[in-house]
Amino acid sequence: MRQYTQRHLVGILALLLAAACGGGRKQVLVAPVVDLAPHSRIGLVTLTSQGASGSLPEFATQRFAERMLGAQQGIEILELGVVPGPLDAAAARRLGAEHGVRTIIVGHLVVSDVKPRATIIGGMNLSAEATLSLAAKMLSTESGATLWTQSSRLRETLASVSMVNGRAVFGAQDPKEAYGEVVDQLVWNVTHDFRATWVRQ
């Protein structure tokens, strides 16, 4: 009688666990929206920026490369640096021929509606509340056509930001500490299509 009762208790616990996990539904790994494998070697142009200067574009570009490499295996990211002039179809074809890549990714970072703040507690500390948006797209270097595009927008308070002639200057000695969190979130949002995701079915 005691063994019978224990079996029933185990069964009840299993049912409760199944209910807590979604009534027996299982998680399934769904492939990324964008498969980077066919592109193999991808050129990444340093992000351009508007309304800001300093180390922010380079820092965001670095994070973008890290997220792409972490999202899918078997790809190579060739950092092309700053590319002057408009990145139109002709420029995409030129970059492809120069660097031997079939695909390039370009992005534009905009800092707007900046509201500086200064506190004197424990010394002078500069920060600013600002809206940051990041838009990126993947271009074919053969046709110049857009293969993929995505964007994200956030309103955050950033440390170590000063205003010079109406522009936000990001010159922190440690960019990760100053604005790493908001940049990480922007890049994470924009690169979502490159990552596999778990869904419950």
N, C-alpha and C. Protein backbone atom coordinates (compact mmCIF):
# COMPACT_ATOMS: atom_id res chain seq x y z
N MET A 1 0.84 -1.20 0.00
CA MET A 1 0.00 0.00 0.00
C MET A 1 0.88 1.25 0.00
N ARG A 2 1.99 1.18 0.74
CA ARG A 2 2.91 2.32 0.80
C ARG A 2 3.58 2.57 -0.55
N GLN A 3 4.00 1.48 -1.25
CA GLN A 3 4.62 1.60 -2.56
C GLN A 3 3.63 2.17 -3.58
N TYR A 4 2.38 1.75 -3.53
CA TYR A 4 1.33 2.25 -4.42
C TYR A 4 1.14 3.75 -4.26
N THR A 5 1.15 4.21 -3.02
CA THR A 5 0.98 5.63 -2.75
C THR A 5 2.16 6.44 -3.30
N GLN A 6 3.36 5.93 -3.16
CA GLN A 6 4.54 6.62 -3.66
C GLN A 6 4.50 6.77 -5.18
N ARG A 7 4.03 5.70 -5.86
CA ARG A 7 3.93 5.77 -7.33
C ARG A 7 2.96 6.86 -7.74
N HIS A 8 1.85 6.98 -7.02
CA HIS A 8 0.89 8.01 -7.35
C HIS A 8 1.45 9.41 -7.09
N LEU A 9 2.22 9.54 -6.02
CA LEU A 9 2.83 10.83 -5.75
C LEU A 9 3.80 11.24 -6.86
N VAL A 10 4.58 10.26 -7.33
CA VAL A 10 5.52 10.53 -8.42
C VAL A 10 4.76 10.94 -9.68
N GLY A 11 3.64 10.26 -9.95
CA GLY A 11 2.84 10.59 -11.12
C GLY A 11 2.26 11.99 -11.03
N ILE A 12 1.78 12.35 -9.86
CA ILE A 12 1.21 13.70 -9.67
C ILE A 12 2.27 14.76 -9.86
N LEU A 13 3.46 14.52 -9.32
CA LEU A 13 4.56 15.49 -9.49
C LEU A 13 4.94 15.64 -10.95
N ALA A 14 4.93 14.54 -11.70
CA ALA A 14 5.26 14.59 -13.13
C ALA A 14 4.23 15.40 -13.89
N LEU A 15 2.94 15.22 -13.54
CA LEU A 15 1.88 15.99 -14.20
C LEU A 15 2.00 17.47 -13.89
N LEU A 16 2.31 17.79 -12.64
CA LEU A 16 2.49 19.20 -12.27
C LEU A 16 3.67 19.81 -13.01
N LEU A 17 4.76 19.05 -13.16
CA LEU A 17 5.93 19.55 -13.87
C LEU A 17 5.61 19.78 -15.34
N ALA A 18 4.86 18.88 -15.94
CA ALA A 18 4.47 19.02 -17.34
C ALA A 18 3.59 20.25 -17.54
N ALA A 19 2.67 20.46 -16.58
CA ALA A 19 1.79 21.64 -16.67
C ALA A 19 2.60 22.92 -16.56
N ALA A 20 3.58 22.91 -15.66
CA ALA A 20 4.41 24.10 -15.48
C ALA A 20 5.25 24.38 -16.71
N CYS A 21 5.58 23.36 -17.47
CA CYS A 21 6.41 23.52 -18.68
C CYS A 21 5.57 23.72 -19.93
N GLY A 22 4.29 23.98 -19.78
CA GLY A 22 3.47 24.27 -20.95
C GLY A 22 2.60 23.12 -21.40
N GLY A 23 2.27 22.24 -20.45
CA GLY A 23 1.36 21.16 -20.79
C GLY A 23 1.94 20.17 -21.78
N GLY A 24 3.24 19.90 -21.68
CA GLY A 24 3.84 18.92 -22.56
C GLY A 24 4.39 19.50 -23.84
N ARG A 25 4.22 20.79 -24.06
CA ARG A 25 4.77 21.42 -25.26
C ARG A 25 6.29 21.44 -25.15
N LYS A 26 6.97 21.25 -26.27
CA LYS A 26 8.43 21.21 -26.25
C LYS A 26 9.00 22.41 -27.00
N GLN A 27 10.24 22.73 -26.67
CA GLN A 27 10.92 23.82 -27.34
C GLN A 27 11.65 23.31 -28.57
N VAL A 28 11.51 24.06 -29.64
CA VAL A 28 12.13 23.67 -30.91
C VAL A 28 13.03 24.80 -31.37
N LEU A 29 14.22 24.44 -31.85
CA LEU A 29 15.16 25.43 -32.34
C LEU A 29 14.83 25.77 -33.80
N VAL A 30 14.55 27.05 -34.04
CA VAL A 30 14.18 27.52 -35.37
C VAL A 30 15.40 28.19 -36.02
N ALA A 31 15.63 27.87 -37.27
CA ALA A 31 16.80 28.40 -37.99
C ALA A 31 16.72 29.91 -38.12
N PRO A 32 17.85 30.58 -38.26
CA PRO A 32 17.84 32.03 -38.43
C PRO A 32 17.07 32.46 -39.67
N VAL A 33 16.50 33.66 -39.62
CA VAL A 33 15.80 34.21 -40.77
C VAL A 33 16.77 34.40 -41.94
N VAL A 34 17.99 34.83 -41.62
CA VAL A 34 19.02 35.05 -42.64
C VAL A 34 20.14 34.04 -42.43
N ASP A 35 20.37 33.18 -43.41
CA ASP A 35 21.46 32.22 -43.37
C ASP A 35 22.71 32.87 -43.95
N LEU A 36 23.73 33.03 -43.11
CA LEU A 36 24.95 33.70 -43.55
C LEU A 36 25.93 32.77 -44.25
N ALA A 37 25.72 31.46 -44.15
CA ALA A 37 26.66 30.49 -44.71
C ALA A 37 26.93 30.72 -46.21
N PRO A 38 25.90 30.97 -47.04
CA PRO A 38 26.17 31.17 -48.47
C PRO A 38 27.06 32.38 -48.76
N HIS A 39 27.09 33.33 -47.83
CA HIS A 39 27.91 34.53 -48.04
C HIS A 39 29.36 34.30 -47.64
N SER A 40 29.58 33.34 -46.75
CA SER A 40 30.90 32.89 -46.33
C SER A 40 31.78 34.01 -45.78
N ARG A 41 32.28 34.86 -46.65
CA ARG A 41 33.17 35.96 -46.25
C ARG A 41 32.44 37.28 -46.47
N ILE A 42 32.21 38.00 -45.38
CA ILE A 42 31.37 39.20 -45.43
C ILE A 42 32.19 40.42 -45.05
N GLY A 43 32.10 41.45 -45.85
CA GLY A 43 32.77 42.71 -45.54
C GLY A 43 31.91 43.56 -44.63
N LEU A 44 32.51 44.12 -43.59
CA LEU A 44 31.80 44.99 -42.66
C LEU A 44 32.42 46.38 -42.68
N VAL A 45 31.66 47.35 -43.13
CA VAL A 45 32.13 48.73 -43.19
C VAL A 45 31.89 49.39 -41.82
N THR A 46 32.86 50.17 -41.37
CA THR A 46 32.68 50.89 -40.10
C THR A 46 31.41 51.74 -40.17
N LEU A 47 30.60 51.64 -39.15
CA LEU A 47 29.33 52.35 -39.13
C LEU A 47 29.54 53.85 -39.29
N THR A 48 28.67 54.46 -40.04
CA THR A 48 28.67 55.92 -40.10
C THR A 48 27.80 56.44 -38.97
N SER A 49 27.96 57.73 -38.64
CA SER A 49 27.19 58.29 -37.53
C SER A 49 26.69 59.67 -37.87
N GLN A 50 25.63 60.05 -37.19
CA GLN A 50 25.02 61.37 -37.35
C GLN A 50 24.68 61.90 -35.97
N GLY A 51 25.06 63.13 -35.71
CA GLY A 51 24.75 63.74 -34.41
C GLY A 51 25.70 63.35 -33.31
N ALA A 52 26.80 62.66 -33.66
CA ALA A 52 27.75 62.23 -32.64
C ALA A 52 29.13 62.09 -33.24
N SER A 53 30.13 62.20 -32.40
CA SER A 53 31.50 61.95 -32.82
C SER A 53 32.22 61.29 -31.66
N GLY A 54 33.45 60.84 -31.93
CA GLY A 54 34.18 60.12 -30.90
C GLY A 54 34.25 58.64 -31.22
N SER A 55 34.32 57.81 -30.19
CA SER A 55 34.57 56.38 -30.36
C SER A 55 33.31 55.54 -30.54
N LEU A 56 32.15 56.17 -30.53
CA LEU A 56 30.91 55.40 -30.58
C LEU A 56 30.77 54.55 -31.85
N PRO A 57 30.99 55.08 -33.07
CA PRO A 57 30.82 54.26 -34.28
C PRO A 57 31.75 53.04 -34.31
N GLU A 58 33.02 53.23 -33.93
CA GLU A 58 33.97 52.12 -33.94
C GLU A 58 33.58 51.05 -32.91
N PHE A 59 33.13 51.51 -31.75
CA PHE A 59 32.72 50.57 -30.71
C PHE A 59 31.51 49.76 -31.16
N ALA A 60 30.53 50.42 -31.77
CA ALA A 60 29.34 49.72 -32.25
C ALA A 60 29.69 48.75 -33.38
N THR A 61 30.63 49.13 -34.25
CA THR A 61 31.06 48.24 -35.33
C THR A 61 31.70 46.98 -34.77
N GLN A 62 32.53 47.13 -33.75
CA GLN A 62 33.15 45.99 -33.11
C GLN A 62 32.11 45.04 -32.53
N ARG A 63 31.11 45.61 -31.86
CA ARG A 63 30.05 44.79 -31.28
C ARG A 63 29.27 44.07 -32.38
N PHE A 64 29.04 44.75 -33.50
CA PHE A 64 28.31 44.15 -34.62
C PHE A 64 29.05 42.92 -35.13
N ALA A 65 30.36 43.04 -35.31
CA ALA A 65 31.16 41.91 -35.78
C ALA A 65 31.10 40.75 -34.79
N GLU A 66 31.19 41.06 -33.50
CA GLU A 66 31.13 40.02 -32.48
C GLU A 66 29.81 39.28 -32.50
N ARG A 67 28.71 40.01 -32.66
CA ARG A 67 27.39 39.38 -32.67
C ARG A 67 27.21 38.49 -33.90
N MET A 68 27.70 38.94 -35.04
CA MET A 68 27.57 38.13 -36.26
C MET A 68 28.37 36.83 -36.14
N LEU A 69 29.60 36.93 -35.66
CA LEU A 69 30.43 35.74 -35.51
C LEU A 69 29.87 34.79 -34.46
N GLY A 70 29.24 35.35 -33.43
CA GLY A 70 28.64 34.51 -32.40
C GLY A 70 27.34 33.88 -32.83
N ALA A 71 26.68 34.46 -33.82
CA ALA A 71 25.37 33.97 -34.23
C ALA A 71 25.45 32.72 -35.08
N GLN A 72 26.45 32.65 -35.98
CA GLN A 72 26.55 31.53 -36.90
C GLN A 72 28.02 31.14 -37.09
N GLN A 73 28.25 29.84 -37.21
CA GLN A 73 29.60 29.33 -37.40
C GLN A 73 29.94 29.27 -38.90
N GLY A 74 31.23 29.27 -39.19
CA GLY A 74 31.68 29.05 -40.56
C GLY A 74 31.69 30.28 -41.44
N ILE A 75 31.59 31.48 -40.84
CA ILE A 75 31.65 32.69 -41.64
C ILE A 75 32.89 33.50 -41.24
N GLU A 76 33.30 34.39 -42.13
CA GLU A 76 34.42 35.27 -41.87
C GLU A 76 33.95 36.71 -42.01
N ILE A 77 34.39 37.56 -41.10
CA ILE A 77 34.08 38.99 -41.17
C ILE A 77 35.36 39.75 -41.51
N LEU A 78 35.34 40.44 -42.64
CA LEU A 78 36.47 41.26 -43.04
C LEU A 78 36.10 42.72 -42.78
N GLU A 79 36.76 43.33 -41.79
CA GLU A 79 36.47 44.72 -41.46
C GLU A 79 37.13 45.63 -42.48
N LEU A 80 36.31 46.41 -43.18
CA LEU A 80 36.78 47.24 -44.28
C LEU A 80 37.15 48.66 -43.85
N GLY A 81 36.89 48.99 -42.60
CA GLY A 81 37.22 50.32 -42.11
C GLY A 81 36.23 51.37 -42.59
N VAL A 82 36.63 52.61 -42.50
CA VAL A 82 35.78 53.73 -42.92
C VAL A 82 35.82 53.84 -44.45
N VAL A 83 34.65 53.92 -45.06
CA VAL A 83 34.56 54.06 -46.51
C VAL A 83 33.97 55.44 -46.81
N PRO A 84 34.72 56.32 -47.44
CA PRO A 84 34.22 57.67 -47.73
C PRO A 84 33.20 57.66 -48.87
N GLY A 85 32.34 58.65 -48.86
CA GLY A 85 31.37 58.79 -49.94
C GLY A 85 30.14 57.93 -49.73
N PRO A 86 29.14 58.11 -50.59
CA PRO A 86 27.90 57.35 -50.48
C PRO A 86 28.10 55.87 -50.80
N LEU A 87 27.46 55.01 -50.00
CA LEU A 87 27.57 53.56 -50.23
C LEU A 87 26.43 53.10 -51.11
N ASP A 88 26.50 53.45 -52.38
CA ASP A 88 25.47 53.07 -53.34
C ASP A 88 25.89 51.78 -54.05
N ALA A 89 25.15 51.41 -55.10
CA ALA A 89 25.41 50.16 -55.81
C ALA A 89 26.81 50.15 -56.42
N ALA A 90 27.24 51.29 -56.96
CA ALA A 90 28.57 51.36 -57.58
C ALA A 90 29.66 51.16 -56.54
N ALA A 91 29.48 51.78 -55.35
CA ALA A 91 30.46 51.63 -54.28
C ALA A 91 30.50 50.18 -53.79
N ALA A 92 29.35 49.52 -53.71
CA ALA A 92 29.29 48.13 -53.27
C ALA A 92 30.06 47.24 -54.24
N ARG A 93 29.89 47.45 -55.53
CA ARG A 93 30.61 46.65 -56.52
C ARG A 93 32.11 46.90 -56.45
N ARG A 94 32.50 48.15 -56.22
CA ARG A 94 33.92 48.48 -56.10
C ARG A 94 34.54 47.79 -54.89
N LEU A 95 33.85 47.83 -53.76
CA LEU A 95 34.36 47.19 -52.54
C LEU A 95 34.48 45.68 -52.73
N GLY A 96 33.51 45.10 -53.41
CA GLY A 96 33.56 43.67 -53.66
C GLY A 96 34.77 43.28 -54.49
N ALA A 97 35.07 44.08 -55.52
CA ALA A 97 36.21 43.79 -56.38
C ALA A 97 37.53 44.00 -55.64
N GLU A 98 37.60 45.02 -54.79
CA GLU A 98 38.83 45.33 -54.08
C GLU A 98 39.16 44.32 -52.99
N HIS A 99 38.14 43.82 -52.31
CA HIS A 99 38.38 42.98 -51.13
C HIS A 99 37.96 41.52 -51.32
N GLY A 100 37.44 41.18 -52.48
CA GLY A 100 37.08 39.80 -52.73
C GLY A 100 35.92 39.29 -51.89
N VAL A 101 34.92 40.14 -51.67
CA VAL A 101 33.74 39.73 -50.91
C VAL A 101 32.50 39.87 -51.79
N ARG A 102 31.57 38.95 -51.62
CA ARG A 102 30.32 38.99 -52.39
C ARG A 102 29.24 39.80 -51.69
N THR A 103 29.47 40.04 -50.39
CA THR A 103 28.46 40.71 -49.58
C THR A 103 29.13 41.70 -48.63
N ILE A 104 28.51 42.85 -48.45
CA ILE A 104 29.00 43.78 -47.45
C ILE A 104 27.83 44.23 -46.57
N ILE A 105 28.16 44.60 -45.35
CA ILE A 105 27.15 45.13 -44.44
C ILE A 105 27.55 46.55 -44.07
N VAL A 106 26.59 47.45 -44.20
CA VAL A 106 26.80 48.86 -43.85
C VAL A 106 25.74 49.24 -42.82
N GLY A 107 26.05 50.25 -42.03
CA GLY A 107 25.10 50.68 -41.01
C GLY A 107 25.26 52.15 -40.70
N HIS A 108 24.20 52.73 -40.17
CA HIS A 108 24.19 54.15 -39.83
C HIS A 108 23.62 54.32 -38.44
N LEU A 109 24.39 55.02 -37.59
CA LEU A 109 24.02 55.25 -36.20
C LEU A 109 23.65 56.71 -36.02
N VAL A 110 22.48 56.97 -35.47
CA VAL A 110 22.01 58.33 -35.29
C VAL A 110 21.77 58.60 -33.81
N VAL A 111 22.34 59.71 -33.33
CA VAL A 111 22.10 60.17 -31.97
C VAL A 111 21.31 61.47 -32.05
N SER A 112 20.15 61.51 -31.43
CA SER A 112 19.28 62.68 -31.55
C SER A 112 18.63 63.02 -30.22
N ASP A 113 18.02 64.20 -30.17
CA ASP A 113 17.29 64.67 -28.99
C ASP A 113 18.13 64.52 -27.73
N VAL A 114 19.37 65.03 -27.79
CA VAL A 114 20.30 64.89 -26.67
C VAL A 114 20.01 65.95 -25.61
N LYS A 115 19.90 65.51 -24.36
CA LYS A 115 19.68 66.41 -23.23
C LYS A 115 20.80 66.21 -22.21
N PRO A 116 21.82 67.09 -22.24
CA PRO A 116 22.98 66.93 -21.34
C PRO A 116 22.58 67.09 -19.88
N ARG A 117 23.35 66.41 -19.03
CA ARG A 117 23.17 66.52 -17.59
C ARG A 117 24.53 66.60 -16.94
N ALA A 118 24.63 67.36 -15.87
CA ALA A 118 25.89 67.46 -15.13
C ALA A 118 25.60 67.39 -13.64
N THR A 119 26.36 66.58 -12.92
CA THR A 119 26.23 66.49 -11.47
C THR A 119 27.59 66.78 -10.85
N ILE A 120 27.57 67.40 -9.68
CA ILE A 120 28.81 67.81 -9.02
C ILE A 120 29.12 66.93 -7.82
N ILE A 121 28.24 66.00 -7.50
CA ILE A 121 28.44 65.12 -6.35
C ILE A 121 29.66 64.23 -6.61
N GLY A 122 30.66 64.34 -5.74
CA GLY A 122 31.86 63.53 -5.89
C GLY A 122 32.70 63.96 -7.08
N GLY A 123 32.56 65.19 -7.53
CA GLY A 123 33.28 65.67 -8.71
C GLY A 123 32.32 65.88 -9.86
N MET A 124 32.81 66.54 -10.90
CA MET A 124 31.97 66.83 -12.06
C MET A 124 31.75 65.57 -12.90
N ASN A 125 30.49 65.21 -13.11
CA ASN A 125 30.14 64.05 -13.93
C ASN A 125 29.21 64.49 -15.05
N LEU A 126 29.57 64.13 -16.28
CA LEU A 126 28.77 64.48 -17.44
C LEU A 126 28.02 63.27 -17.96
N SER A 127 26.77 63.47 -18.30
CA SER A 127 25.97 62.42 -18.92
C SER A 127 24.95 63.08 -19.82
N ALA A 128 24.22 62.28 -20.56
CA ALA A 128 23.20 62.85 -21.44
C ALA A 128 22.12 61.81 -21.70
N GLU A 129 20.89 62.29 -21.74
CA GLU A 129 19.77 61.43 -22.17
C GLU A 129 19.63 61.64 -23.67
N ALA A 130 19.57 60.56 -24.42
CA ALA A 130 19.56 60.68 -25.88
C ALA A 130 18.80 59.53 -26.50
N THR A 131 18.35 59.76 -27.73
CA THR A 131 17.75 58.71 -28.54
C THR A 131 18.79 58.20 -29.51
N LEU A 132 19.02 56.90 -29.50
CA LEU A 132 19.98 56.28 -30.42
C LEU A 132 19.24 55.31 -31.33
N SER A 133 19.53 55.39 -32.60
CA SER A 133 18.95 54.45 -33.56
C SER A 133 20.03 53.89 -34.44
N LEU A 134 19.89 52.63 -34.79
CA LEU A 134 20.85 51.94 -35.64
C LEU A 134 20.11 51.25 -36.77
N ALA A 135 20.51 51.53 -37.99
CA ALA A 135 19.93 50.87 -39.17
C ALA A 135 21.08 50.22 -39.94
N ALA A 136 20.89 48.98 -40.34
CA ALA A 136 21.92 48.26 -41.07
C ALA A 136 21.31 47.54 -42.26
N LYS A 137 22.13 47.30 -43.27
CA LYS A 137 21.66 46.54 -44.43
C LYS A 137 22.80 45.76 -45.05
N MET A 138 22.44 44.66 -45.69
CA MET A 138 23.38 43.81 -46.38
C MET A 138 23.22 44.03 -47.88
N LEU A 139 24.35 44.29 -48.54
CA LEU A 139 24.32 44.58 -49.97
C LEU A 139 25.08 43.51 -50.76
N SER A 140 24.56 43.18 -51.91
CA SER A 140 25.28 42.31 -52.84
C SER A 140 26.31 43.14 -53.57
N THR A 141 27.56 42.66 -53.63
CA THR A 141 28.60 43.39 -54.35
C THR A 141 28.58 43.08 -55.84
N GLU A 142 27.72 42.16 -56.23
CA GLU A 142 27.59 41.85 -57.65
C GLU A 142 26.56 42.76 -58.32
N SER A 143 25.44 42.98 -57.63
CA SER A 143 24.37 43.79 -58.22
C SER A 143 24.15 45.11 -57.49
N GLY A 144 24.65 45.20 -56.25
CA GLY A 144 24.40 46.38 -55.45
C GLY A 144 23.04 46.36 -54.78
N ALA A 145 22.28 45.30 -54.98
CA ALA A 145 20.93 45.19 -54.41
C ALA A 145 20.99 44.94 -52.91
N THR A 146 19.96 45.40 -52.21
CA THR A 146 19.85 45.16 -50.77
C THR A 146 19.29 43.76 -50.53
N LEU A 147 20.03 42.96 -49.75
CA LEU A 147 19.63 41.58 -49.47
C LEU A 147 18.90 41.45 -48.13
N TRP A 148 19.17 42.39 -47.24
CA TRP A 148 18.58 42.35 -45.90
C TRP A 148 18.70 43.72 -45.27
N THR A 149 17.74 44.09 -44.44
CA THR A 149 17.83 45.35 -43.70
C THR A 149 17.08 45.23 -42.39
N GLN A 150 17.54 45.95 -41.37
CA GLN A 150 16.91 45.92 -40.05
C GLN A 150 17.31 47.18 -39.30
N SER A 151 16.50 47.58 -38.32
CA SER A 151 16.80 48.78 -37.54
C SER A 151 16.27 48.64 -36.12
N SER A 152 16.79 49.50 -35.22
CA SER A 152 16.34 49.52 -33.83
C SER A 152 16.52 50.92 -33.29
N ARG A 153 15.71 51.28 -32.28
CA ARG A 153 15.74 52.63 -31.72
C ARG A 153 15.53 52.54 -30.21
N LEU A 154 16.35 53.28 -29.43
CA LEU A 154 16.27 53.26 -27.98
C LEU A 154 16.44 54.66 -27.41
N ARG A 155 15.85 54.88 -26.26
CA ARG A 155 16.02 56.15 -25.52
C ARG A 155 16.70 55.80 -24.21
N GLU A 156 17.92 56.33 -24.00
CA GLU A 156 18.70 55.94 -22.84
C GLU A 156 19.48 57.12 -22.26
N THR A 157 19.99 56.94 -21.04
CA THR A 157 20.91 57.89 -20.43
C THR A 157 22.32 57.32 -20.56
N LEU A 158 23.23 58.12 -21.10
CA LEU A 158 24.59 57.67 -21.37
C LEU A 158 25.58 58.45 -20.53
N ALA A 159 26.62 57.78 -20.08
CA ALA A 159 27.66 58.43 -19.28
C ALA A 159 28.79 58.92 -20.18
N SER A 160 29.59 59.82 -19.64
CA SER A 160 30.79 60.33 -20.32
C SER A 160 30.48 60.91 -21.70
N VAL A 161 29.45 61.73 -21.77
CA VAL A 161 29.06 62.38 -23.02
C VAL A 161 29.10 63.88 -22.81
N SER A 162 29.70 64.59 -23.73
CA SER A 162 29.72 66.05 -23.67
C SER A 162 29.20 66.61 -24.98
N MET A 163 28.82 67.88 -24.98
CA MET A 163 28.29 68.54 -26.17
C MET A 163 29.31 69.54 -26.70
N VAL A 164 29.63 69.44 -27.98
CA VAL A 164 30.54 70.36 -28.65
C VAL A 164 29.88 70.82 -29.93
N ASN A 165 29.58 72.12 -30.01
CA ASN A 165 28.92 72.68 -31.19
C ASN A 165 27.63 71.93 -31.56
N GLY A 166 26.88 71.57 -30.52
CA GLY A 166 25.60 70.92 -30.75
C GLY A 166 25.68 69.44 -31.07
N ARG A 167 26.89 68.86 -31.02
CA ARG A 167 27.05 67.43 -31.29
C ARG A 167 27.47 66.71 -30.03
N ALA A 168 26.95 65.49 -29.86
CA ALA A 168 27.35 64.67 -28.72
C ALA A 168 28.71 64.05 -29.01
N VAL A 169 29.63 64.22 -28.08
CA VAL A 169 30.98 63.67 -28.25
C VAL A 169 31.16 62.52 -27.27
N PHE A 170 31.43 61.34 -27.81
CA PHE A 170 31.61 60.13 -27.00
C PHE A 170 33.11 59.86 -26.91
N GLY A 171 33.71 60.27 -25.83
CA GLY A 171 35.15 60.13 -25.71
C GLY A 171 35.58 59.42 -24.46
N ALA A 172 34.79 58.49 -23.96
CA ALA A 172 35.11 57.79 -22.72
C ALA A 172 36.35 56.92 -22.89
N GLN A 173 37.16 56.85 -21.83
CA GLN A 173 38.31 55.96 -21.87
C GLN A 173 37.87 54.51 -21.88
N ASP A 174 36.73 54.22 -21.30
CA ASP A 174 36.18 52.87 -21.31
C ASP A 174 34.79 52.92 -21.94
N PRO A 175 34.70 52.77 -23.28
CA PRO A 175 33.40 52.85 -23.96
C PRO A 175 32.39 51.83 -23.44
N LYS A 176 32.88 50.65 -23.07
CA LYS A 176 31.97 49.61 -22.59
C LYS A 176 31.23 50.07 -21.35
N GLU A 177 31.96 50.73 -20.44
CA GLU A 177 31.34 51.20 -19.20
C GLU A 177 30.43 52.40 -19.46
N ALA A 178 30.83 53.26 -20.40
CA ALA A 178 30.09 54.50 -20.64
C ALA A 178 28.79 54.26 -21.39
N TYR A 179 28.84 53.49 -22.47
CA TYR A 179 27.61 53.30 -23.25
C TYR A 179 27.53 51.90 -23.86
N GLY A 180 28.26 50.96 -23.26
CA GLY A 180 28.26 49.60 -23.79
C GLY A 180 26.90 48.93 -23.75
N GLU A 181 26.14 49.19 -22.69
CA GLU A 181 24.85 48.50 -22.53
C GLU A 181 23.87 48.87 -23.62
N VAL A 182 23.76 50.18 -23.92
CA VAL A 182 22.80 50.60 -24.95
C VAL A 182 23.26 50.17 -26.34
N VAL A 183 24.57 50.21 -26.60
CA VAL A 183 25.07 49.74 -27.89
C VAL A 183 24.84 48.25 -28.05
N ASP A 184 25.10 47.50 -27.00
CA ASP A 184 24.86 46.05 -27.04
C ASP A 184 23.40 45.76 -27.36
N GLN A 185 22.49 46.50 -26.74
CA GLN A 185 21.07 46.25 -26.97
C GLN A 185 20.67 46.61 -28.39
N LEU A 186 21.16 47.73 -28.91
CA LEU A 186 20.87 48.11 -30.29
C LEU A 186 21.36 47.04 -31.27
N VAL A 187 22.62 46.64 -31.10
CA VAL A 187 23.20 45.65 -32.01
C VAL A 187 22.50 44.31 -31.88
N TRP A 188 22.16 43.92 -30.65
CA TRP A 188 21.43 42.66 -30.43
C TRP A 188 20.10 42.68 -31.17
N ASN A 189 19.39 43.80 -31.09
CA ASN A 189 18.10 43.91 -31.77
C ASN A 189 18.26 43.81 -33.29
N VAL A 190 19.25 44.53 -33.82
CA VAL A 190 19.42 44.59 -35.27
C VAL A 190 19.89 43.25 -35.84
N THR A 191 20.71 42.51 -35.08
CA THR A 191 21.24 41.23 -35.59
C THR A 191 20.36 40.04 -35.24
N HIS A 192 19.15 40.30 -34.79
CA HIS A 192 18.24 39.21 -34.39
C HIS A 192 18.04 38.20 -35.51
N ASP A 193 17.93 38.65 -36.75
CA ASP A 193 17.65 37.76 -37.88
C ASP A 193 18.78 36.78 -38.17
N PHE A 194 19.96 37.00 -37.58
CA PHE A 194 21.10 36.11 -37.82
C PHE A 194 21.17 34.97 -36.80
N ARG A 195 20.34 35.02 -35.76
CA ARG A 195 20.42 34.04 -34.69
C ARG A 195 19.29 33.01 -34.76
N ALA A 196 19.63 31.78 -34.43
CA ALA A 196 18.61 30.75 -34.24
C ALA A 196 17.87 31.06 -32.95
N THR A 197 16.57 30.73 -32.90
CA THR A 197 15.76 31.03 -31.72
C THR A 197 14.99 29.79 -31.27
N TRP A 198 14.71 29.73 -29.98
CA TRP A 198 13.91 28.63 -29.43
C TRP A 198 12.46 29.09 -29.35
N VAL A 199 11.56 28.26 -29.85
CA VAL A 199 10.12 28.53 -29.74
C VAL A 199 9.44 27.31 -29.15
N ARG A 200 8.37 27.56 -28.42
CA ARG A 200 7.63 26.46 -27.80
C ARG A 200 6.50 26.01 -28.71
N GLN A 201 6.43 24.74 -28.96
CA GLN A 201 5.39 24.18 -29.85
C GLN A 201 4.62 23.08 -29.13
